[in-house]
Amino acid sequence: MPPQRPTRRRELHHRRNGAGCIVGVDEVGRGPLAGPLVTAAVSLPLDRRPLWLRELRDSKQLSAQQRERLAPLIEDGALQWSIGWVHAAELDELGVSAALRLACRRALSHLPQAPDVVLADGRDELRLSCSTEMIVKGDATVASIAAASIIAKAARDRWMAELDDRFPGFGFARHKGYGTAQHLAALQSLGPCPEHRRSFAPVAALLQPRLALDAAGA
């Protein structure tokens, strides 16, 4: 069965109901052991059909090459777009749910025009000041959310490739911070780097013996 194609039905529904600025948002990086959580916000044109619109999919259904090709097309063709970042140390302090809300607020705050309606993937309560519609599997069914997922994923992947140069040996360019066998082996060998999330169990488990040794030597 071919992948489901996102549509602009939800955006057009809200336009018919009087909304002027309709923005789709999606995040990437909720589960990795290292790196930032990234949210993108995208407002798509509703009065024309760019050629790339038919290629939109949930970013997880696309290859890295497809995302890298589509991301600049979306950025050039969108009415507006922006990205919000929450880095590892902030996520450790806030927790994942609060970090998700913060990344979303940061992305929306960078838009030239504030949204009347936000369409967001999932079930999380974003606690925004504007009207918000949470849509389960929205990244697979709603065009603006799918576009946001592609921009967010492409931006985060580029960031993780930069971290691979700054912190060699972890393989960030390959696994993007997720808990693969290779990443866990590197963690055991090298210990956490500053980009690791210390509140996540595999990293916290490595830190506990080190903290105990530091306390014993104090």
N, C-alpha and C. Protein backbone atom coordinates (compact mmCIF):
# COMPACT_ATOMS: atom_id res chain seq x y z
N MET A 1 0.84 -1.20 0.00
CA MET A 1 0.00 0.00 0.00
C MET A 1 0.89 1.26 0.00
N PRO A 2 0.65 2.22 -0.91
CA PRO A 2 1.48 3.43 -0.94
C PRO A 2 1.25 4.28 0.30
N PRO A 3 2.24 5.09 0.68
CA PRO A 3 2.08 5.95 1.85
C PRO A 3 0.91 6.92 1.68
N GLN A 4 0.25 7.23 2.80
CA GLN A 4 -0.86 8.17 2.77
C GLN A 4 -0.35 9.55 2.37
N ARG A 5 -1.12 10.25 1.56
CA ARG A 5 -0.71 11.57 1.11
C ARG A 5 -1.42 12.63 1.93
N PRO A 6 -0.69 13.53 2.57
CA PRO A 6 -1.32 14.61 3.34
C PRO A 6 -2.10 15.55 2.41
N THR A 7 -3.16 16.15 2.94
CA THR A 7 -3.97 17.09 2.17
C THR A 7 -4.09 18.40 2.94
N ARG A 8 -4.67 19.39 2.30
CA ARG A 8 -4.91 20.69 2.92
C ARG A 8 -6.36 20.83 3.39
N ARG A 9 -7.05 19.72 3.59
CA ARG A 9 -8.46 19.78 3.98
C ARG A 9 -8.66 20.51 5.30
N ARG A 10 -7.81 20.23 6.29
CA ARG A 10 -7.98 20.88 7.59
C ARG A 10 -7.69 22.38 7.48
N GLU A 11 -6.67 22.74 6.72
CA GLU A 11 -6.36 24.15 6.54
C GLU A 11 -7.51 24.87 5.84
N LEU A 12 -8.07 24.26 4.79
CA LEU A 12 -9.18 24.87 4.06
C LEU A 12 -10.43 24.96 4.91
N HIS A 13 -10.64 23.95 5.77
CA HIS A 13 -11.78 23.99 6.70
C HIS A 13 -11.68 25.22 7.60
N HIS A 14 -10.51 25.45 8.17
CA HIS A 14 -10.36 26.60 9.06
C HIS A 14 -10.42 27.92 8.28
N ARG A 15 -9.94 27.93 7.05
CA ARG A 15 -10.05 29.13 6.23
C ARG A 15 -11.53 29.47 5.98
N ARG A 16 -12.33 28.45 5.65
CA ARG A 16 -13.76 28.69 5.42
C ARG A 16 -14.45 29.19 6.67
N ASN A 17 -13.91 28.83 7.84
CA ASN A 17 -14.49 29.28 9.10
C ASN A 17 -13.93 30.61 9.57
N GLY A 18 -13.15 31.28 8.71
CA GLY A 18 -12.74 32.64 8.99
C GLY A 18 -11.31 32.83 9.47
N ALA A 19 -10.54 31.75 9.64
CA ALA A 19 -9.16 31.89 10.09
C ALA A 19 -8.31 32.47 8.97
N GLY A 20 -7.47 33.43 9.31
CA GLY A 20 -6.59 34.03 8.32
C GLY A 20 -5.27 33.32 8.20
N CYS A 21 -4.60 33.17 9.32
CA CYS A 21 -3.26 32.55 9.33
C CYS A 21 -3.35 31.18 10.00
N ILE A 22 -3.12 30.14 9.22
CA ILE A 22 -3.22 28.75 9.70
C ILE A 22 -1.84 28.13 9.61
N VAL A 23 -1.34 27.63 10.72
CA VAL A 23 0.04 27.15 10.82
C VAL A 23 0.07 25.70 11.28
N GLY A 24 0.82 24.89 10.58
CA GLY A 24 1.06 23.52 11.02
C GLY A 24 2.39 23.43 11.76
N VAL A 25 2.41 22.66 12.85
CA VAL A 25 3.65 22.49 13.60
C VAL A 25 3.90 21.01 13.86
N ASP A 26 5.16 20.66 13.91
CA ASP A 26 5.56 19.30 14.28
C ASP A 26 6.95 19.33 14.86
N GLU A 27 7.24 18.34 15.69
CA GLU A 27 8.54 18.27 16.35
C GLU A 27 9.27 17.01 15.96
N VAL A 28 10.57 17.06 16.16
CA VAL A 28 11.42 15.90 15.98
C VAL A 28 12.47 15.93 17.09
N GLY A 29 12.86 14.74 17.55
CA GLY A 29 13.90 14.69 18.58
C GLY A 29 13.38 14.51 19.98
N ARG A 30 12.18 13.96 20.12
CA ARG A 30 11.65 13.72 21.46
C ARG A 30 12.39 12.59 22.17
N GLY A 31 12.76 11.55 21.44
CA GLY A 31 13.27 10.35 22.08
C GLY A 31 14.76 10.11 22.10
N PRO A 32 15.58 10.85 21.34
CA PRO A 32 17.02 10.55 21.33
C PRO A 32 17.69 10.76 22.68
N LEU A 33 18.86 10.16 22.83
CA LEU A 33 19.66 10.32 24.04
C LEU A 33 20.53 11.57 23.98
N ALA A 34 20.64 12.18 22.81
CA ALA A 34 21.50 13.35 22.65
C ALA A 34 20.92 14.28 21.61
N GLY A 35 21.30 15.57 21.72
CA GLY A 35 20.88 16.55 20.73
C GLY A 35 19.60 17.26 21.12
N PRO A 36 19.19 18.23 20.30
CA PRO A 36 18.05 19.08 20.64
C PRO A 36 16.71 18.47 20.25
N LEU A 37 15.67 19.03 20.83
CA LEU A 37 14.31 18.83 20.37
C LEU A 37 13.99 20.02 19.47
N VAL A 38 13.46 19.76 18.28
CA VAL A 38 13.27 20.81 17.28
C VAL A 38 11.81 20.80 16.82
N THR A 39 11.20 21.98 16.81
CA THR A 39 9.85 22.14 16.29
C THR A 39 9.88 23.12 15.12
N ALA A 40 9.19 22.78 14.05
CA ALA A 40 9.03 23.69 12.92
C ALA A 40 7.57 24.13 12.82
N ALA A 41 7.37 25.36 12.35
CA ALA A 41 6.04 25.91 12.12
C ALA A 41 5.98 26.37 10.67
N VAL A 42 4.92 25.98 9.95
CA VAL A 42 4.81 26.27 8.52
C VAL A 42 3.39 26.69 8.19
N SER A 43 3.27 27.76 7.41
CA SER A 43 1.99 28.19 6.87
C SER A 43 2.05 28.04 5.36
N LEU A 44 1.17 27.20 4.80
CA LEU A 44 1.20 26.89 3.38
C LEU A 44 0.24 27.79 2.60
N PRO A 45 0.55 28.04 1.31
CA PRO A 45 -0.42 28.75 0.47
C PRO A 45 -1.64 27.87 0.23
N LEU A 46 -2.83 28.48 0.26
CA LEU A 46 -4.07 27.73 0.05
C LEU A 46 -4.76 28.10 -1.25
N ASP A 47 -4.25 29.11 -1.95
CA ASP A 47 -4.87 29.54 -3.20
C ASP A 47 -4.11 29.08 -4.43
N ARG A 48 -3.08 28.28 -4.24
CA ARG A 48 -2.33 27.71 -5.35
C ARG A 48 -1.75 26.36 -4.91
N ARG A 49 -1.30 25.57 -5.89
CA ARG A 49 -0.81 24.23 -5.60
C ARG A 49 0.62 24.10 -6.14
N PRO A 50 1.61 24.41 -5.30
CA PRO A 50 3.00 24.21 -5.74
C PRO A 50 3.24 22.74 -6.11
N LEU A 51 4.15 22.52 -7.05
CA LEU A 51 4.40 21.16 -7.51
C LEU A 51 4.85 20.24 -6.38
N TRP A 52 5.63 20.80 -5.40
CA TRP A 52 6.15 19.96 -4.33
C TRP A 52 5.07 19.52 -3.34
N LEU A 53 3.89 20.15 -3.43
CA LEU A 53 2.83 19.81 -2.48
C LEU A 53 2.46 18.34 -2.57
N ARG A 54 2.46 17.78 -3.80
CA ARG A 54 2.08 16.38 -3.98
C ARG A 54 3.13 15.42 -3.42
N GLU A 55 4.33 15.93 -3.15
CA GLU A 55 5.40 15.08 -2.61
C GLU A 55 5.45 15.07 -1.09
N LEU A 56 4.63 15.88 -0.44
CA LEU A 56 4.66 15.93 1.02
C LEU A 56 4.25 14.59 1.61
N ARG A 57 5.01 14.17 2.61
CA ARG A 57 4.70 12.98 3.39
C ARG A 57 5.19 13.24 4.82
N ASP A 58 4.74 12.43 5.74
CA ASP A 58 5.37 12.39 7.05
C ASP A 58 6.87 12.19 6.83
N SER A 59 7.70 12.99 7.50
CA SER A 59 9.14 12.94 7.25
C SER A 59 9.72 11.55 7.47
N LYS A 60 9.10 10.75 8.33
CA LYS A 60 9.60 9.40 8.60
C LYS A 60 9.42 8.49 7.39
N GLN A 61 8.55 8.86 6.47
CA GLN A 61 8.30 8.05 5.28
C GLN A 61 9.22 8.44 4.12
N LEU A 62 10.09 9.42 4.34
CA LEU A 62 10.98 9.91 3.30
C LEU A 62 12.43 9.57 3.64
N SER A 63 13.25 9.43 2.62
CA SER A 63 14.68 9.24 2.84
C SER A 63 15.32 10.56 3.20
N ALA A 64 16.54 10.50 3.73
CA ALA A 64 17.27 11.72 4.05
C ALA A 64 17.46 12.58 2.80
N GLN A 65 17.73 11.96 1.67
CA GLN A 65 17.91 12.70 0.42
C GLN A 65 16.62 13.40 0.00
N GLN A 66 15.50 12.71 0.14
CA GLN A 66 14.22 13.33 -0.20
C GLN A 66 13.91 14.51 0.71
N ARG A 67 14.20 14.37 2.01
CA ARG A 67 13.95 15.48 2.93
C ARG A 67 14.84 16.67 2.61
N GLU A 68 16.11 16.41 2.31
CA GLU A 68 17.03 17.50 1.99
C GLU A 68 16.63 18.22 0.70
N ARG A 69 16.03 17.51 -0.22
CA ARG A 69 15.58 18.14 -1.46
C ARG A 69 14.30 18.94 -1.23
N LEU A 70 13.38 18.39 -0.43
CA LEU A 70 12.09 19.03 -0.23
C LEU A 70 12.15 20.22 0.72
N ALA A 71 13.00 20.15 1.74
CA ALA A 71 13.00 21.21 2.77
C ALA A 71 13.18 22.60 2.18
N PRO A 72 14.18 22.84 1.31
CA PRO A 72 14.31 24.19 0.75
C PRO A 72 13.17 24.58 -0.17
N LEU A 73 12.55 23.61 -0.85
CA LEU A 73 11.39 23.93 -1.68
C LEU A 73 10.23 24.40 -0.83
N ILE A 74 10.01 23.73 0.31
CA ILE A 74 8.95 24.15 1.23
C ILE A 74 9.26 25.53 1.79
N GLU A 75 10.49 25.73 2.21
CA GLU A 75 10.88 27.02 2.79
C GLU A 75 10.69 28.16 1.79
N ASP A 76 11.03 27.91 0.52
CA ASP A 76 10.87 28.95 -0.50
C ASP A 76 9.40 29.19 -0.86
N GLY A 77 8.59 28.12 -0.81
CA GLY A 77 7.21 28.23 -1.26
C GLY A 77 6.19 28.50 -0.18
N ALA A 78 6.57 28.33 1.08
CA ALA A 78 5.62 28.57 2.18
C ALA A 78 5.35 30.06 2.34
N LEU A 79 4.19 30.37 2.89
CA LEU A 79 3.88 31.76 3.22
C LEU A 79 4.81 32.25 4.32
N GLN A 80 5.09 31.39 5.27
CA GLN A 80 6.04 31.68 6.34
C GLN A 80 6.42 30.37 7.01
N TRP A 81 7.60 30.36 7.62
CA TRP A 81 8.04 29.18 8.36
C TRP A 81 9.09 29.62 9.38
N SER A 82 9.28 28.81 10.39
CA SER A 82 10.28 29.09 11.40
C SER A 82 10.59 27.81 12.17
N ILE A 83 11.64 27.87 12.98
CA ILE A 83 12.08 26.72 13.76
C ILE A 83 12.31 27.15 15.20
N GLY A 84 11.92 26.30 16.14
CA GLY A 84 12.21 26.51 17.55
C GLY A 84 13.05 25.36 18.08
N TRP A 85 14.11 25.70 18.84
CA TRP A 85 15.05 24.72 19.36
C TRP A 85 14.99 24.69 20.88
N VAL A 86 15.06 23.49 21.46
CA VAL A 86 15.32 23.31 22.89
C VAL A 86 16.48 22.33 22.99
N HIS A 87 17.57 22.79 23.57
CA HIS A 87 18.78 21.96 23.60
C HIS A 87 18.78 21.03 24.82
N ALA A 88 19.73 20.12 24.83
CA ALA A 88 19.71 19.00 25.78
C ALA A 88 19.65 19.47 27.23
N ALA A 89 20.45 20.46 27.60
CA ALA A 89 20.47 20.90 28.99
C ALA A 89 19.12 21.49 29.40
N GLU A 90 18.47 22.23 28.49
CA GLU A 90 17.14 22.77 28.78
C GLU A 90 16.13 21.65 28.94
N LEU A 91 16.21 20.66 28.06
CA LEU A 91 15.27 19.55 28.13
C LEU A 91 15.43 18.79 29.44
N ASP A 92 16.67 18.60 29.88
CA ASP A 92 16.90 17.95 31.17
C ASP A 92 16.24 18.72 32.31
N GLU A 93 16.31 20.03 32.24
CA GLU A 93 15.76 20.86 33.30
C GLU A 93 14.24 20.89 33.27
N LEU A 94 13.66 20.92 32.07
CA LEU A 94 12.22 21.12 31.93
C LEU A 94 11.42 19.82 31.90
N GLY A 95 12.01 18.75 31.37
CA GLY A 95 11.26 17.55 31.05
C GLY A 95 10.76 17.63 29.62
N VAL A 96 10.40 16.48 29.05
CA VAL A 96 10.07 16.42 27.63
C VAL A 96 8.81 17.21 27.30
N SER A 97 7.76 17.08 28.08
CA SER A 97 6.50 17.75 27.75
C SER A 97 6.65 19.26 27.76
N ALA A 98 7.29 19.80 28.79
CA ALA A 98 7.49 21.24 28.86
C ALA A 98 8.45 21.71 27.77
N ALA A 99 9.46 20.89 27.45
CA ALA A 99 10.39 21.25 26.38
C ALA A 99 9.66 21.30 25.04
N LEU A 100 8.74 20.38 24.82
CA LEU A 100 7.95 20.38 23.59
C LEU A 100 7.14 21.66 23.48
N ARG A 101 6.50 22.07 24.57
CA ARG A 101 5.71 23.31 24.55
C ARG A 101 6.61 24.52 24.29
N LEU A 102 7.80 24.52 24.90
CA LEU A 102 8.71 25.65 24.72
C LEU A 102 9.21 25.72 23.28
N ALA A 103 9.58 24.59 22.69
CA ALA A 103 10.05 24.58 21.30
C ALA A 103 8.96 25.09 20.37
N CYS A 104 7.71 24.70 20.63
CA CYS A 104 6.60 25.16 19.81
C CYS A 104 6.41 26.67 19.95
N ARG A 105 6.44 27.17 21.18
CA ARG A 105 6.28 28.62 21.38
C ARG A 105 7.42 29.38 20.72
N ARG A 106 8.63 28.86 20.79
CA ARG A 106 9.76 29.53 20.14
C ARG A 106 9.59 29.57 18.64
N ALA A 107 9.16 28.46 18.05
CA ALA A 107 8.95 28.46 16.60
C ALA A 107 7.88 29.47 16.20
N LEU A 108 6.76 29.48 16.92
CA LEU A 108 5.67 30.39 16.57
C LEU A 108 6.06 31.84 16.79
N SER A 109 6.88 32.11 17.79
CA SER A 109 7.27 33.49 18.08
C SER A 109 8.15 34.08 16.99
N HIS A 110 8.79 33.25 16.19
CA HIS A 110 9.67 33.71 15.13
C HIS A 110 8.94 33.93 13.81
N LEU A 111 7.66 33.60 13.75
CA LEU A 111 6.90 33.81 12.52
C LEU A 111 6.60 35.30 12.33
N PRO A 112 6.67 35.80 11.12
CA PRO A 112 6.31 37.20 10.89
C PRO A 112 4.87 37.52 11.25
N GLN A 113 3.96 36.55 11.02
CA GLN A 113 2.54 36.75 11.34
C GLN A 113 2.09 35.71 12.35
N ALA A 114 1.48 36.15 13.43
CA ALA A 114 1.01 35.23 14.45
C ALA A 114 -0.16 34.41 13.92
N PRO A 115 -0.24 33.14 14.30
CA PRO A 115 -1.31 32.29 13.78
C PRO A 115 -2.66 32.57 14.43
N ASP A 116 -3.72 32.38 13.64
CA ASP A 116 -5.07 32.33 14.19
C ASP A 116 -5.40 30.91 14.66
N VAL A 117 -4.88 29.92 13.93
CA VAL A 117 -5.11 28.51 14.25
C VAL A 117 -3.79 27.76 14.08
N VAL A 118 -3.48 26.91 15.05
CA VAL A 118 -2.33 26.00 14.95
C VAL A 118 -2.85 24.58 14.82
N LEU A 119 -2.35 23.87 13.82
CA LEU A 119 -2.62 22.44 13.64
C LEU A 119 -1.35 21.70 14.05
N ALA A 120 -1.49 20.77 14.99
CA ALA A 120 -0.31 20.12 15.55
C ALA A 120 -0.50 18.61 15.59
N ASP A 121 0.61 17.91 15.43
CA ASP A 121 0.59 16.46 15.45
C ASP A 121 0.52 15.94 16.88
N GLY A 122 -0.25 14.88 17.09
CA GLY A 122 -0.24 14.18 18.37
C GLY A 122 -1.36 14.58 19.31
N ARG A 123 -1.14 14.27 20.59
CA ARG A 123 -2.15 14.52 21.62
C ARG A 123 -1.70 15.50 22.69
N ASP A 124 -0.43 15.91 22.69
CA ASP A 124 0.10 16.74 23.76
C ASP A 124 -0.63 18.08 23.83
N GLU A 125 -0.86 18.54 25.04
CA GLU A 125 -1.47 19.84 25.26
C GLU A 125 -0.38 20.91 25.14
N LEU A 126 -0.48 21.75 24.11
CA LEU A 126 0.57 22.73 23.85
C LEU A 126 0.37 24.03 24.63
N ARG A 127 -0.84 24.28 25.11
CA ARG A 127 -1.13 25.45 25.94
C ARG A 127 -0.77 26.75 25.24
N LEU A 128 -1.23 26.88 24.02
CA LEU A 128 -0.98 28.09 23.24
C LEU A 128 -2.10 29.09 23.46
N SER A 129 -1.81 30.34 23.15
CA SER A 129 -2.82 31.40 23.35
C SER A 129 -3.81 31.46 22.20
N CYS A 130 -3.49 30.81 21.06
CA CYS A 130 -4.40 30.82 19.91
C CYS A 130 -5.14 29.48 19.84
N SER A 131 -6.13 29.42 18.96
CA SER A 131 -6.87 28.18 18.75
C SER A 131 -5.93 27.09 18.26
N THR A 132 -6.03 25.89 18.85
CA THR A 132 -5.12 24.79 18.53
C THR A 132 -5.92 23.52 18.29
N GLU A 133 -5.62 22.83 17.21
CA GLU A 133 -6.23 21.53 16.94
C GLU A 133 -5.14 20.47 16.93
N MET A 134 -5.23 19.53 17.88
CA MET A 134 -4.30 18.41 17.92
C MET A 134 -4.85 17.28 17.06
N ILE A 135 -4.01 16.72 16.20
CA ILE A 135 -4.45 15.72 15.23
C ILE A 135 -3.52 14.53 15.31
N VAL A 136 -4.04 13.40 15.76
CA VAL A 136 -3.24 12.18 15.81
C VAL A 136 -2.87 11.77 14.39
N LYS A 137 -1.60 11.46 14.17
CA LYS A 137 -1.04 11.16 12.85
C LYS A 137 -1.22 12.34 11.90
N GLY A 138 -1.20 13.54 12.46
CA GLY A 138 -1.33 14.73 11.63
C GLY A 138 -0.20 14.88 10.63
N ASP A 139 1.00 14.39 10.98
CA ASP A 139 2.12 14.51 10.04
C ASP A 139 1.92 13.65 8.80
N ALA A 140 1.01 12.68 8.86
CA ALA A 140 0.72 11.83 7.71
C ALA A 140 -0.52 12.26 6.95
N THR A 141 -1.34 13.16 7.54
CA THR A 141 -2.64 13.48 6.94
C THR A 141 -2.84 14.96 6.65
N VAL A 142 -2.09 15.84 7.30
CA VAL A 142 -2.30 17.29 7.16
C VAL A 142 -1.06 17.90 6.51
N ALA A 143 -1.25 18.59 5.40
CA ALA A 143 -0.13 19.05 4.59
C ALA A 143 0.82 19.96 5.35
N SER A 144 0.29 20.94 6.08
CA SER A 144 1.18 21.88 6.76
C SER A 144 1.96 21.22 7.88
N ILE A 145 1.36 20.21 8.53
CA ILE A 145 2.09 19.48 9.57
C ILE A 145 3.18 18.62 8.94
N ALA A 146 2.87 17.97 7.82
CA ALA A 146 3.88 17.18 7.11
C ALA A 146 5.04 18.07 6.67
N ALA A 147 4.72 19.26 6.17
CA ALA A 147 5.78 20.19 5.76
C ALA A 147 6.65 20.58 6.95
N ALA A 148 6.01 20.82 8.09
CA ALA A 148 6.77 21.16 9.29
C ALA A 148 7.65 19.99 9.72
N SER A 149 7.14 18.77 9.60
CA SER A 149 7.94 17.60 10.00
C SER A 149 9.19 17.48 9.14
N ILE A 150 9.08 17.80 7.86
CA ILE A 150 10.23 17.70 6.96
C ILE A 150 11.27 18.77 7.29
N ILE A 151 10.83 20.00 7.50
CA ILE A 151 11.76 21.08 7.83
C ILE A 151 12.45 20.79 9.15
N ALA A 152 11.69 20.36 10.16
CA ALA A 152 12.28 20.09 11.47
C ALA A 152 13.29 18.95 11.40
N LYS A 153 12.94 17.88 10.69
CA LYS A 153 13.84 16.72 10.61
C LYS A 153 15.12 17.07 9.85
N ALA A 154 14.98 17.80 8.74
CA ALA A 154 16.17 18.17 7.96
C ALA A 154 17.09 19.07 8.78
N ALA A 155 16.50 20.02 9.52
CA ALA A 155 17.32 20.93 10.32
C ALA A 155 18.03 20.19 11.45
N ARG A 156 17.31 19.29 12.11
CA ARG A 156 17.94 18.56 13.22
C ARG A 156 19.03 17.62 12.71
N ASP A 157 18.80 16.97 11.57
CA ASP A 157 19.82 16.07 11.02
C ASP A 157 21.09 16.84 10.68
N ARG A 158 20.95 18.04 10.14
CA ARG A 158 22.14 18.84 9.83
C ARG A 158 22.87 19.22 11.12
N TRP A 159 22.13 19.53 12.15
CA TRP A 159 22.74 19.88 13.44
C TRP A 159 23.50 18.69 14.01
N MET A 160 22.91 17.50 13.92
CA MET A 160 23.57 16.31 14.45
C MET A 160 24.83 15.98 13.65
N ALA A 161 24.83 16.28 12.36
CA ALA A 161 26.05 16.08 11.57
C ALA A 161 27.15 17.02 12.03
N GLU A 162 26.79 18.25 12.41
CA GLU A 162 27.77 19.19 12.96
C GLU A 162 28.30 18.68 14.31
N LEU A 163 27.42 18.12 15.12
CA LEU A 163 27.86 17.58 16.41
C LEU A 163 28.81 16.40 16.21
N ASP A 164 28.65 15.67 15.12
CA ASP A 164 29.54 14.55 14.83
C ASP A 164 30.97 15.04 14.66
N ASP A 165 31.13 16.23 14.08
CA ASP A 165 32.47 16.81 13.93
C ASP A 165 33.00 17.33 15.27
N ARG A 166 32.12 17.89 16.09
CA ARG A 166 32.54 18.46 17.37
C ARG A 166 32.84 17.39 18.41
N PHE A 167 32.11 16.28 18.34
CA PHE A 167 32.26 15.20 19.33
C PHE A 167 32.47 13.88 18.59
N PRO A 168 33.65 13.67 18.02
CA PRO A 168 33.89 12.45 17.24
C PRO A 168 33.84 11.20 18.11
N GLY A 169 33.44 10.12 17.46
CA GLY A 169 33.42 8.83 18.13
C GLY A 169 32.04 8.34 18.50
N PHE A 170 31.06 9.26 18.60
CA PHE A 170 29.70 8.86 18.98
C PHE A 170 28.86 8.42 17.79
N GLY A 171 29.21 8.86 16.60
CA GLY A 171 28.43 8.50 15.41
C GLY A 171 27.15 9.28 15.25
N PHE A 172 27.14 10.52 15.73
CA PHE A 172 25.91 11.32 15.69
C PHE A 172 25.38 11.49 14.27
N ALA A 173 26.25 11.58 13.28
CA ALA A 173 25.79 11.78 11.90
C ALA A 173 25.00 10.57 11.40
N ARG A 174 25.27 9.39 11.95
CA ARG A 174 24.57 8.19 11.51
C ARG A 174 23.27 7.97 12.27
N HIS A 175 23.33 7.97 13.60
CA HIS A 175 22.13 7.60 14.36
C HIS A 175 21.35 8.80 14.89
N LYS A 176 21.88 10.02 14.70
CA LYS A 176 21.19 11.27 15.06
C LYS A 176 20.87 11.35 16.55
N GLY A 177 21.63 10.64 17.37
CA GLY A 177 21.43 10.71 18.81
C GLY A 177 20.52 9.66 19.39
N TYR A 178 19.90 8.85 18.54
CA TYR A 178 19.00 7.81 19.05
C TYR A 178 19.82 6.67 19.68
N GLY A 179 19.15 5.86 20.48
CA GLY A 179 19.83 4.86 21.29
C GLY A 179 20.13 3.58 20.55
N THR A 180 20.87 3.66 19.47
CA THR A 180 21.27 2.46 18.74
C THR A 180 22.35 1.71 19.51
N ALA A 181 22.60 0.48 19.08
CA ALA A 181 23.65 -0.32 19.72
C ALA A 181 25.01 0.39 19.60
N GLN A 182 25.26 0.97 18.44
CA GLN A 182 26.53 1.68 18.24
C GLN A 182 26.65 2.87 19.20
N HIS A 183 25.56 3.61 19.36
CA HIS A 183 25.57 4.78 20.24
C HIS A 183 25.78 4.35 21.70
N LEU A 184 25.07 3.31 22.12
CA LEU A 184 25.21 2.84 23.50
C LEU A 184 26.63 2.34 23.76
N ALA A 185 27.23 1.68 22.77
CA ALA A 185 28.61 1.21 22.95
C ALA A 185 29.57 2.39 23.07
N ALA A 186 29.35 3.44 22.26
CA ALA A 186 30.20 4.63 22.35
C ALA A 186 30.02 5.33 23.69
N LEU A 187 28.80 5.36 24.19
CA LEU A 187 28.55 5.95 25.50
C LEU A 187 29.33 5.21 26.59
N GLN A 188 29.30 3.89 26.52
CA GLN A 188 30.03 3.09 27.51
C GLN A 188 31.52 3.37 27.44
N SER A 189 32.03 3.53 26.23
CA SER A 189 33.46 3.71 26.04
C SER A 189 33.92 5.13 26.34
N LEU A 190 33.16 6.11 25.88
CA LEU A 190 33.60 7.51 25.95
C LEU A 190 32.98 8.30 27.09
N GLY A 191 31.84 7.80 27.59
CA GLY A 191 31.09 8.60 28.56
C GLY A 191 30.29 9.68 27.85
N PRO A 192 29.34 10.29 28.54
CA PRO A 192 28.49 11.30 27.89
C PRO A 192 29.28 12.56 27.52
N CYS A 193 28.84 13.19 26.44
CA CYS A 193 29.38 14.49 26.04
C CYS A 193 28.37 15.57 26.46
N PRO A 194 28.68 16.84 26.29
CA PRO A 194 27.76 17.91 26.72
C PRO A 194 26.41 17.89 26.02
N GLU A 195 26.30 17.21 24.88
CA GLU A 195 25.04 17.18 24.15
C GLU A 195 24.14 16.01 24.57
N HIS A 196 24.59 15.19 25.49
CA HIS A 196 23.76 14.09 25.95
C HIS A 196 22.74 14.55 27.00
N ARG A 197 21.59 13.90 26.97
CA ARG A 197 20.50 14.24 27.89
C ARG A 197 20.67 13.44 29.18
N ARG A 198 21.09 14.13 30.20
CA ARG A 198 21.43 13.45 31.45
C ARG A 198 20.23 12.93 32.22
N SER A 199 19.04 13.37 31.86
CA SER A 199 17.84 12.86 32.52
C SER A 199 17.30 11.58 31.87
N PHE A 200 17.88 11.17 30.75
CA PHE A 200 17.42 9.96 30.08
C PHE A 200 18.16 8.75 30.66
N ALA A 201 17.43 7.66 30.86
CA ALA A 201 17.92 6.55 31.67
C ALA A 201 19.28 6.00 31.25
N PRO A 202 19.54 5.71 29.97
CA PRO A 202 20.86 5.14 29.63
C PRO A 202 22.02 6.07 29.97
N VAL A 203 21.81 7.38 29.84
CA VAL A 203 22.86 8.33 30.18
C VAL A 203 22.97 8.48 31.68
N ALA A 204 21.83 8.58 32.36
CA ALA A 204 21.84 8.71 33.82
C ALA A 204 22.50 7.51 34.47
N ALA A 205 22.28 6.31 33.92
CA ALA A 205 22.88 5.11 34.51
C ALA A 205 24.40 5.14 34.42
N LEU A 206 24.93 5.73 33.37
CA LEU A 206 26.38 5.84 33.24
C LEU A 206 26.95 6.90 34.18
N LEU A 207 26.17 7.92 34.45
CA LEU A 207 26.65 9.01 35.29
C LEU A 207 26.66 8.65 36.77
N GLN A 208 25.77 7.76 37.19
CA GLN A 208 25.67 7.45 38.62
C GLN A 208 26.97 6.93 39.21
N PRO A 209 27.64 5.93 38.60
CA PRO A 209 28.92 5.48 39.17
C PRO A 209 29.97 6.59 39.21
N ARG A 210 29.97 7.45 38.21
CA ARG A 210 30.95 8.53 38.16
C ARG A 210 30.68 9.53 39.29
N LEU A 211 29.40 9.81 39.53
CA LEU A 211 29.06 10.73 40.62
C LEU A 211 29.44 10.14 41.97
N ALA A 212 29.23 8.81 42.09
CA ALA A 212 29.58 8.16 43.35
C ALA A 212 31.09 8.22 43.58
N LEU A 213 31.87 8.01 42.50
CA LEU A 213 33.33 8.09 42.63
C LEU A 213 33.77 9.50 42.99
N ASP A 214 33.14 10.50 42.35
CA ASP A 214 33.48 11.88 42.65
C ASP A 214 33.17 12.22 44.11
N ALA A 215 32.01 11.71 44.60
CA ALA A 215 31.63 11.98 45.98
C ALA A 215 32.60 11.31 46.95
N ALA A 216 33.04 10.09 46.59
CA ALA A 216 33.95 9.38 47.48
C ALA A 216 35.32 10.08 47.54
N GLY A 217 35.70 10.71 46.44
CA GLY A 217 36.99 11.35 46.41
C GLY A 217 36.97 12.78 46.94
N ALA A 218 35.77 13.29 47.23
CA ALA A 218 35.68 14.68 47.69
C ALA A 218 36.16 14.83 49.12
